Protein backbone atom coordinates (compact mmCIF):
# COMPACT_ATOMS: atom_id res chain seq x y z
CA UNK A 1 -31.26 -50.52 20.00
CA UNK A 2 -31.25 -47.48 22.15
CA UNK A 3 -29.47 -47.04 25.41
CA UNK A 4 -30.16 -43.99 27.54
CA UNK A 5 -27.56 -43.02 30.07
CA UNK A 6 -28.18 -40.31 32.60
CA UNK A 7 -25.11 -38.78 34.11
CA UNK A 8 -26.53 -38.44 37.58
CA UNK A 9 -24.63 -36.96 40.44
CA UNK A 10 -22.37 -39.52 42.01
CA UNK A 11 -21.54 -39.53 45.66
CA UNK A 12 -18.41 -37.45 45.30
CA UNK A 13 -19.99 -35.17 42.75
CA UNK A 14 -22.98 -34.55 45.01
CA UNK A 15 -20.69 -32.99 47.58
CA UNK A 16 -19.59 -30.33 45.14
CA UNK A 17 -22.93 -29.36 43.59
CA UNK A 18 -25.48 -27.18 45.27
CA UNK A 19 -28.93 -28.44 46.23
CA UNK A 20 -30.42 -26.10 43.65
CA UNK A 21 -28.41 -27.80 40.92
CA UNK A 22 -29.98 -31.16 41.74
CA UNK A 23 -33.33 -29.79 40.62
CA UNK A 24 -31.98 -27.92 37.61
CA UNK A 25 -32.71 -28.90 34.01
CA UNK A 26 -30.52 -31.30 32.09
CA UNK A 27 -28.97 -30.30 28.79
CA UNK A 28 -29.59 -33.36 26.62
CA UNK A 29 -26.84 -34.30 24.18
CA UNK A 30 -27.55 -37.15 21.75
CA UNK A 31 -24.62 -39.40 20.84
CA UNK A 32 -25.44 -41.07 17.49
CA UNK A 33 -22.73 -43.56 16.45
CA UNK A 34 -22.22 -47.33 16.05
CA UNK A 35 -22.72 -49.33 19.25
CA UNK A 36 -23.13 -52.67 17.48
CA UNK A 37 -21.58 -54.38 14.48
CA UNK A 38 -17.95 -54.25 13.24
CA UNK A 39 -17.36 -50.68 14.47
CA UNK A 40 -19.00 -51.11 17.90
CA UNK A 41 -15.72 -50.89 19.83
CA UNK A 42 -14.88 -47.53 18.22
CA UNK A 43 -18.33 -46.13 18.95
CA UNK A 44 -18.51 -47.45 22.50
CA UNK A 45 -15.12 -46.02 23.42
CA UNK A 46 -16.17 -42.65 22.02
CA UNK A 47 -19.37 -42.79 24.06
CA UNK A 48 -17.41 -43.44 27.24
CA UNK A 49 -15.13 -40.48 26.49
CA UNK A 50 -18.16 -38.21 26.08
CA UNK A 51 -19.75 -39.50 29.30
CA UNK A 52 -16.54 -38.98 31.25
CA UNK A 53 -15.88 -35.51 29.81
CA UNK A 54 -19.44 -34.37 30.55
CA UNK A 55 -19.32 -35.68 34.09
CA UNK A 56 -15.78 -34.57 34.96
CA UNK A 57 -15.25 -31.34 33.03
CA UNK A 58 -18.78 -29.90 33.19
CA UNK A 59 -21.11 -31.48 35.77
CA UNK A 60 -18.51 -31.87 38.52
CA UNK A 61 -17.70 -28.18 38.13
CA UNK A 62 -21.30 -27.09 38.64
CA UNK A 63 -22.69 -27.60 35.15
CA UNK A 64 -23.81 -24.70 32.97
CA UNK A 65 -26.13 -21.75 33.57
CA UNK A 66 -25.62 -22.01 37.30
CA UNK A 67 -26.46 -25.67 37.72
CA UNK A 68 -27.88 -27.36 34.60
CA UNK A 69 -26.21 -30.72 34.01
CA UNK A 70 -25.08 -32.31 30.76
CA UNK A 71 -26.89 -35.60 30.03
CA UNK A 72 -25.62 -37.95 27.33
CA UNK A 73 -28.25 -39.98 25.46
CA UNK A 74 -26.77 -42.85 23.46
CA UNK A 75 -28.25 -44.04 20.15
CA UNK A 76 -26.92 -46.92 18.06
CA UNK A 77 -26.94 -45.99 14.37
CA UNK A 78 -25.33 -49.28 13.25
CA UNK A 79 -23.07 -47.07 11.03
CA UNK A 80 -26.09 -46.62 8.74
CA UNK A 81 -27.11 -43.18 7.41
CA UNK A 82 -30.74 -44.34 7.21
CA UNK A 83 -30.73 -45.61 10.81
CA UNK A 84 -29.00 -42.39 11.91
CA UNK A 85 -31.89 -40.29 10.59
CA UNK A 86 -34.36 -42.47 12.52
CA UNK A 87 -32.34 -42.06 15.71
CA UNK A 88 -32.01 -38.31 15.07
CA UNK A 89 -35.79 -37.91 15.14
CA UNK A 90 -36.07 -40.04 18.29
CA UNK A 91 -33.41 -37.89 19.96
CA UNK A 92 -35.18 -34.67 19.02
CA UNK A 93 -38.50 -36.06 20.27
CA UNK A 94 -36.79 -36.81 23.59
CA UNK A 95 -35.63 -33.22 23.96
CA UNK A 96 -32.06 -33.37 22.70
CA UNK A 97 -30.89 -30.06 21.25
CA UNK A 98 -27.30 -31.11 20.63
CA UNK A 99 -26.20 -33.98 18.39
CA UNK A 100 -22.68 -35.44 18.55
CA UNK A 101 -21.45 -37.86 15.87
CA UNK A 102 -18.13 -38.68 14.29
CA UNK A 103 -17.84 -42.17 12.84
CA UNK A 104 -18.43 -42.08 9.08
CA UNK A 105 -18.63 -39.01 6.91
CA UNK A 106 -21.43 -40.76 5.05
CA UNK A 107 -23.50 -40.58 8.23
CA UNK A 108 -22.40 -36.99 8.89
CA UNK A 109 -23.47 -35.89 5.43
CA UNK A 110 -26.92 -37.40 5.99
CA UNK A 111 -27.26 -35.83 9.44
CA UNK A 112 -26.18 -32.32 8.47
CA UNK A 113 -28.63 -32.20 5.58
CA UNK A 114 -31.46 -33.55 7.75
CA UNK A 115 -30.70 -31.14 10.61
CA UNK A 116 -30.62 -28.17 8.24
CA UNK A 117 -34.08 -29.11 6.91
CA UNK A 118 -35.45 -29.84 10.39
CA UNK A 119 -34.28 -26.51 11.78
CA UNK A 120 -35.81 -24.53 8.93
CA UNK A 121 -39.15 -26.30 9.37
CA UNK A 122 -39.18 -26.53 13.18
CA UNK A 123 -37.92 -23.29 14.78
CA UNK A 124 -39.16 -24.42 18.21
CA UNK A 125 -36.98 -27.57 18.30
CA UNK A 126 -33.82 -26.56 16.47
CA UNK A 127 -30.64 -28.57 17.14
CA UNK A 128 -26.88 -28.15 16.66
CA UNK A 129 -24.65 -30.80 15.10
CA UNK A 130 -21.28 -31.08 16.90
CA UNK A 131 -19.15 -33.19 14.58
CA UNK A 132 -16.19 -34.62 16.49
CA UNK A 133 -14.60 -36.90 13.90
CA UNK A 134 -16.27 -36.99 10.46
CA UNK A 135 -13.67 -35.31 8.26
CA UNK A 136 -15.07 -35.13 4.72
CA UNK A 137 -13.95 -31.62 3.61
CA UNK A 138 -17.35 -31.03 1.98
CA UNK A 139 -18.97 -30.65 5.40
CA UNK A 140 -17.25 -27.29 5.95
CA UNK A 141 -17.15 -26.36 2.29
CA UNK A 142 -19.96 -26.80 -0.25
CA UNK A 143 -22.20 -28.64 2.27
CA UNK A 144 -21.60 -26.30 5.21
CA UNK A 145 -24.49 -24.85 7.20
CA UNK A 146 -24.98 -22.73 10.30
CA UNK A 147 -25.97 -25.69 12.48
CA UNK A 148 -22.82 -27.80 11.90
CA UNK A 149 -19.52 -27.38 13.80
CA UNK A 150 -16.43 -29.57 13.28
CA UNK A 151 -13.86 -30.08 16.07
CA UNK A 152 -11.50 -32.39 14.14
CA UNK A 153 -9.24 -31.19 11.30
CA UNK A 154 -10.72 -32.32 8.01
CA UNK A 155 -9.12 -34.63 5.46
CA UNK A 156 -7.22 -31.96 3.56
CA UNK A 157 -5.85 -30.36 6.73
CA UNK A 158 -4.59 -33.71 8.02
CA UNK A 159 -3.18 -34.69 4.63
CA UNK A 160 -1.34 -31.36 4.43
CA UNK A 161 0.47 -32.28 7.67
CA UNK A 162 1.15 -35.85 6.56
CA UNK A 163 2.53 -34.81 3.19
CA UNK A 164 4.71 -32.15 4.82
CA UNK A 165 6.39 -34.96 6.75
CA UNK A 166 6.54 -37.30 3.74
CA UNK A 167 8.00 -34.57 1.53
CA UNK A 168 10.96 -34.18 3.89
CA UNK A 169 11.84 -37.89 3.62
CA UNK A 170 13.96 -38.28 0.50
CA UNK A 171 13.93 -42.09 0.88
CA UNK A 172 10.27 -42.14 -0.16
CA UNK A 173 10.03 -42.38 -3.94
CA UNK A 174 6.90 -44.51 -4.40
CA UNK A 175 3.60 -44.31 -2.49
CA UNK A 176 0.55 -46.63 -2.47
CA UNK A 177 -2.83 -45.08 -1.53
CA UNK A 178 -5.64 -47.35 -0.31
CA UNK A 179 -8.88 -46.69 1.54
CA UNK A 180 -12.54 -47.39 2.20
CA UNK A 181 -14.95 -46.88 -0.68
CA UNK A 182 -17.07 -43.95 0.45
CA UNK A 183 -16.85 -40.16 0.62
CA UNK A 184 -14.10 -40.08 3.27
CA UNK A 185 -11.89 -42.68 1.59
CA UNK A 186 -12.22 -40.91 -1.75
CA UNK A 187 -11.37 -37.56 -0.15
CA UNK A 188 -8.21 -39.01 1.42
CA UNK A 189 -7.07 -40.45 -1.91
CA UNK A 190 -7.72 -37.22 -3.81
CA UNK A 191 -5.87 -35.14 -1.21
CA UNK A 192 -2.87 -37.49 -1.13
CA UNK A 193 -2.45 -37.49 -4.88
CA UNK A 194 -2.82 -33.74 -5.35
CA UNK A 195 -0.64 -32.69 -2.39
CA UNK A 196 2.19 -35.09 -3.16
CA UNK A 197 2.17 -33.87 -6.75
CA UNK A 198 2.61 -30.33 -5.47
CA UNK A 199 5.20 -30.96 -2.72
CA UNK A 200 7.16 -33.87 -4.19
CA UNK A 201 6.44 -34.24 -7.92
CA UNK A 202 9.17 -36.88 -8.11
CA UNK A 203 7.13 -39.29 -5.95
CA UNK A 204 5.31 -41.92 -8.02
CA UNK A 205 1.81 -43.05 -7.00
CA UNK A 206 2.17 -46.79 -7.66
CA UNK A 207 -1.33 -47.73 -6.50
CA UNK A 208 -4.60 -45.95 -5.73
CA UNK A 209 -7.60 -48.10 -4.88
CA UNK A 210 -10.69 -48.32 -2.68
CA UNK A 211 -12.25 -51.37 -1.03
CA UNK A 212 -15.77 -51.94 0.38
CA UNK A 213 -16.13 -50.50 3.88
CA UNK A 214 -16.59 -53.04 6.68
CA UNK A 215 -16.91 -56.04 4.35
CA UNK A 216 -13.36 -57.25 3.58
CA UNK A 217 -12.53 -60.33 5.67
CA UNK A 218 -9.09 -60.99 4.17
CA UNK A 219 -6.87 -58.13 3.00
CA UNK A 220 -4.18 -60.45 1.62
CA UNK A 221 -4.91 -59.71 -2.06
CA UNK A 222 -4.63 -55.98 -1.41
CA UNK A 223 -1.43 -56.41 0.62
CA UNK A 224 0.25 -58.51 -2.03
CA UNK A 225 -0.44 -55.80 -4.60
CA UNK A 226 1.07 -53.19 -2.28
CA UNK A 227 4.24 -55.23 -1.71
CA UNK A 228 4.63 -56.12 -5.38
CA UNK A 229 4.22 -52.46 -6.37
CA UNK A 230 7.57 -51.62 -4.77
CA UNK A 231 5.98 -48.87 -2.65
CA UNK A 232 8.23 -47.16 -0.10
CA UNK A 233 5.22 -45.93 1.91
CA UNK A 234 1.47 -46.49 2.24
CA UNK A 235 -1.22 -43.88 2.92
CA UNK A 236 -4.65 -44.97 4.18
CA UNK A 237 -7.63 -43.37 5.87
CA UNK A 238 -8.98 -46.73 7.06
CA UNK A 239 -10.47 -46.86 10.53
CA UNK A 240 -11.86 -49.47 12.91
CA UNK A 241 -11.81 -53.09 11.79
CA UNK A 242 -10.71 -52.08 8.30
CA UNK A 243 -7.57 -50.37 9.67
CA UNK A 244 -6.70 -53.38 11.78
CA UNK A 245 -7.26 -55.88 8.97
CA UNK A 246 -5.39 -53.91 6.33
CA UNK A 247 -2.46 -52.91 8.54
CA UNK A 248 -1.85 -56.39 9.91
CA UNK A 249 -2.03 -57.91 6.47
CA UNK A 250 0.40 -55.38 4.99
CA UNK A 251 3.03 -56.10 7.66
CA UNK A 252 2.46 -59.88 7.59
CA UNK A 253 3.09 -59.85 3.85
CA UNK A 254 6.51 -58.33 4.32
CA UNK A 255 6.04 -54.59 3.82
CA UNK A 256 8.77 -52.70 5.74
CA UNK A 257 8.07 -49.05 4.95
CA UNK A 258 6.05 -46.48 6.91
CA UNK A 259 2.23 -46.67 6.88
CA UNK A 260 0.73 -43.19 7.24
CA UNK A 261 -2.80 -43.32 8.67
CA UNK A 262 -5.63 -41.29 10.14
CA UNK A 263 -6.85 -43.78 12.76
CA UNK A 264 -4.33 -46.59 13.46
CA UNK A 265 -4.63 -46.63 17.24
CA UNK A 266 -6.83 -47.87 20.09
CA UNK A 267 -9.98 -50.03 19.94
CA UNK A 268 -7.84 -53.17 19.73
CA UNK A 269 -5.64 -51.86 16.92
CA UNK A 270 -2.64 -50.87 19.07
CA UNK A 271 -2.61 -54.16 20.98
CA UNK A 272 -2.94 -56.19 17.79
CA UNK A 273 0.10 -54.51 16.25
CA UNK A 274 2.29 -54.45 19.37
CA UNK A 275 5.98 -54.51 18.56
CA UNK A 276 5.31 -54.99 14.84
CA UNK A 277 3.85 -51.48 14.61
CA UNK A 278 6.93 -49.70 16.01
CA UNK A 279 8.55 -47.47 13.37
CA UNK A 280 5.89 -48.66 10.91
CA UNK A 281 2.61 -46.97 11.93
CA UNK A 282 2.09 -43.22 11.92
CA UNK A 283 -1.14 -41.39 12.73
CA UNK A 284 -2.20 -37.77 12.18
CA UNK A 285 -4.29 -36.17 14.94
CA UNK A 286 -4.61 -33.42 17.53
CA UNK A 287 -3.74 -33.95 21.19
CA UNK A 288 -0.52 -34.24 23.15
CA UNK A 289 2.53 -36.38 23.69
CA UNK A 290 2.70 -39.32 26.13
CA UNK A 291 2.97 -39.12 29.02
CA UNK A 292 1.05 -35.82 28.94
CA UNK A 293 3.17 -32.96 30.31
CA UNK A 294 0.31 -31.38 32.30
CA UNK A 295 -0.25 -32.96 35.77
CA UNK A 296 -4.01 -32.33 35.48
CA UNK A 297 -4.06 -34.24 32.20
CA UNK A 298 -2.25 -37.16 33.77
CA UNK A 299 -4.86 -37.23 36.55
CA UNK A 300 -7.69 -37.03 33.99
CA UNK A 301 -6.33 -40.04 32.08
CA UNK A 302 -5.80 -42.02 35.29
CA UNK A 303 -9.38 -41.32 36.41
CA UNK A 304 -10.76 -42.34 33.01
CA UNK A 305 -8.81 -45.59 33.07
CA UNK A 306 -10.01 -46.27 36.62
CA UNK A 307 -13.63 -45.99 35.45
CA UNK A 308 -13.13 -47.70 32.06
CA UNK A 309 -10.17 -50.12 32.52
CA UNK A 310 -10.48 -51.39 28.94
CA UNK A 311 -11.07 -47.94 27.45
CA UNK A 312 -8.70 -45.58 25.63
CA UNK A 313 -8.35 -41.81 25.73
CA UNK A 314 -8.08 -41.89 21.97
CA UNK A 315 -10.04 -38.84 20.79
CA UNK A 316 -8.88 -35.90 22.85
CA UNK A 317 -11.04 -33.51 20.83
CA UNK A 318 -14.08 -34.91 22.68
CA UNK A 319 -13.07 -32.96 25.78
CA UNK A 320 -12.87 -29.84 23.62
CA UNK A 321 -16.41 -30.45 22.33
CA UNK A 322 -17.82 -30.63 25.85
CA UNK A 323 -15.85 -27.67 27.20
CA UNK A 324 -16.50 -25.40 24.21
CA UNK A 325 -20.23 -26.24 24.26
CA UNK A 326 -20.39 -25.44 27.99
CA UNK A 327 -18.56 -22.17 27.41
CA UNK A 328 -20.90 -21.25 24.54
CA UNK A 329 -24.05 -22.03 26.55
CA UNK A 330 -22.88 -19.90 29.44
CA UNK A 331 -21.93 -17.07 27.08
CA UNK A 332 -25.32 -17.29 25.34
CA UNK A 333 -27.21 -17.46 28.64
CA UNK A 334 -29.38 -20.26 27.32
CA UNK A 335 -29.16 -23.91 26.33
CA UNK A 336 -32.46 -24.04 24.47
CA UNK A 337 -31.98 -21.17 22.01
CA UNK A 338 -29.39 -22.91 19.86
CA UNK A 339 -29.09 -19.95 17.50
CA UNK A 340 -27.63 -17.95 20.38
CA UNK A 341 -25.40 -20.87 21.37
CA UNK A 342 -24.15 -21.29 17.81
CA UNK A 343 -23.47 -17.57 17.58
CA UNK A 344 -21.37 -17.82 20.75
CA UNK A 345 -19.54 -20.86 19.43
CA UNK A 346 -18.55 -19.48 16.04
CA UNK A 347 -15.41 -17.41 16.29
CA UNK A 348 -14.66 -18.77 19.78
CA UNK A 349 -11.05 -18.82 20.92
CA UNK A 350 -10.49 -21.66 23.35
CA UNK A 351 -7.54 -22.73 25.46
CA UNK A 352 -7.73 -26.45 26.00
CA UNK A 353 -7.43 -27.30 29.70
CA UNK A 354 -5.83 -30.69 29.08
CA UNK A 355 -4.04 -31.40 25.83
CA UNK A 356 -2.45 -28.17 24.67
CA UNK A 357 -1.31 -24.76 25.83
CA UNK A 358 -1.99 -23.30 22.38
CA UNK A 359 -5.08 -21.33 21.39
CA UNK A 360 -7.63 -23.05 19.17
CA UNK A 361 -10.18 -21.18 17.11
CA UNK A 362 -13.62 -22.04 15.68
CA UNK A 363 -13.38 -20.33 12.32
CA UNK A 364 -16.69 -18.45 11.74
CA UNK A 365 -16.70 -18.60 7.96
CA UNK A 366 -17.01 -22.43 7.86
CA UNK A 367 -17.32 -23.60 11.52
CA UNK A 368 -14.02 -25.53 11.28
CA UNK A 369 -11.75 -25.60 14.34
CA UNK A 370 -8.15 -24.48 13.78
CA UNK A 371 -5.51 -26.09 16.03
CA UNK A 372 -2.08 -27.73 16.09
CA UNK A 373 -1.82 -31.07 14.27
CA UNK A 374 0.71 -33.77 15.17
CA UNK A 375 2.02 -36.85 13.42
CA UNK A 376 2.28 -39.56 16.08
CA UNK A 377 4.35 -42.73 15.88
CA UNK A 378 3.35 -46.11 17.31
CA UNK A 379 5.92 -46.54 20.11
CA UNK A 380 6.34 -48.15 23.55
CA UNK A 381 4.38 -46.07 26.07
CA UNK A 382 4.00 -46.74 29.79
CA UNK A 383 0.59 -47.29 31.39
CA UNK A 384 -1.88 -45.69 31.82
CA UNK A 385 -1.02 -43.57 28.76
CA UNK A 386 -0.67 -46.57 26.47
CA UNK A 387 -3.49 -47.89 24.27
CA UNK A 388 -5.39 -51.15 24.76
CA UNK A 389 -3.35 -51.79 27.96
CA UNK A 390 -0.65 -53.01 25.57
CA UNK A 391 2.47 -51.09 26.61
CA UNK A 392 2.35 -49.32 23.25
CA UNK A 393 0.80 -46.01 22.32
CA UNK A 394 1.39 -42.72 20.53
CA UNK A 395 4.44 -40.43 20.67
CA UNK A 396 4.65 -37.11 18.85
CA UNK A 397 7.04 -37.24 15.87
CA UNK A 398 6.15 -34.10 13.94
CA UNK A 399 4.04 -30.98 14.64
CA UNK A 400 2.37 -28.35 12.46
CA UNK A 401 1.34 -25.24 14.42
CA UNK A 402 -2.11 -23.74 13.68
CA UNK A 403 -2.34 -26.28 10.89
CA UNK A 404 -4.00 -25.06 7.70
CA UNK A 405 -5.25 -21.90 9.41
CA UNK A 406 -5.37 -20.19 6.03
CA UNK A 407 -6.85 -23.11 4.10
CA UNK A 408 -9.49 -21.89 1.66
CA UNK A 409 -13.18 -22.72 2.06
CA UNK A 410 -16.03 -22.56 -0.42
CA UNK A 411 -18.56 -22.33 2.41
CA UNK A 412 -21.26 -19.71 1.82
CA UNK A 413 -22.56 -19.55 5.38
CA UNK A 414 -26.27 -18.66 5.61
CA UNK A 415 -27.12 -17.43 9.11
CA UNK A 416 -30.72 -17.40 10.43
């Protein structure tokens, strides 16, 4: 299934854009993520955040190159790497020169390899891959390439922040690690084990297992093992339906310790946990506290909720993707020569207009963004800054400035 969405000029927007801009070219950006199946809610909410960011932060301000508008094309990959490659070719055939994707590192690994091959064979239709949420470290290490940029801290960077917080809690003596059985889940497990061994060698890993992604209907057997292990804390990289199913089951089976996660918020997860998640769920991410301290950010969230009443502003990095791409295109003076755009993007220092006052940096040696990382707690949060219209949301509990800015990379960047 393919859904094409053109971000045309709305009535209010039309008042602020010149007549010349109406006839300008569109910059086509292909969104390739799940829009059906068990992870449809996650993908759809991400799509809406991209649409809103493009319309509000770029098009409503005159677009790029003096009037070219961002246009989001949506493609349903059904969370399948094979389907993603089919949709990638369709997107390229339709003129997209920018690919955004984030759900599943398995998909991201397939896309980055395919895009690298495509660009070497087709210099007249080269594309950039703007990865907003696939966090397998390999993508900016041994599998890095010039065409791929990551706007989300990768697994090791997030785990470094999580284990900093865990290491300071002397009540945690035993940890259970559980995750989805694919590259991302394995990377989370490996990072947790190695970093805890370094920072708190006294902590015992009492469980370390993977489960099939998107296929477990009842997590009770896993939860019972966690409870019986005597774990003081749980670490999981689960996302989407697997995060909801695992987390609910763990708490329903009597676990009372903290659950440290990568994605335990929004898309129905926050509402499903409600009061039971308070002082239990923790999530590592970029972004800001709630309510956001900046008035312009508060207005941005209110406008998003007015347009998408059931949506969540859950991936703040999406606004960074749109703003940094716009800045790079203007600096390059072209949207079609993606080599020039990529050259402008690598090494870019960017001050986020919404979520932070701190500088963020697209590291040129591996195309990995460097920024502050927070550990958020699931807490009561007033609307419209809550998640799932539930009265609960995320509050900052712990912050690491310029997180992992000096983290090593094995990337051997080959530039065209």
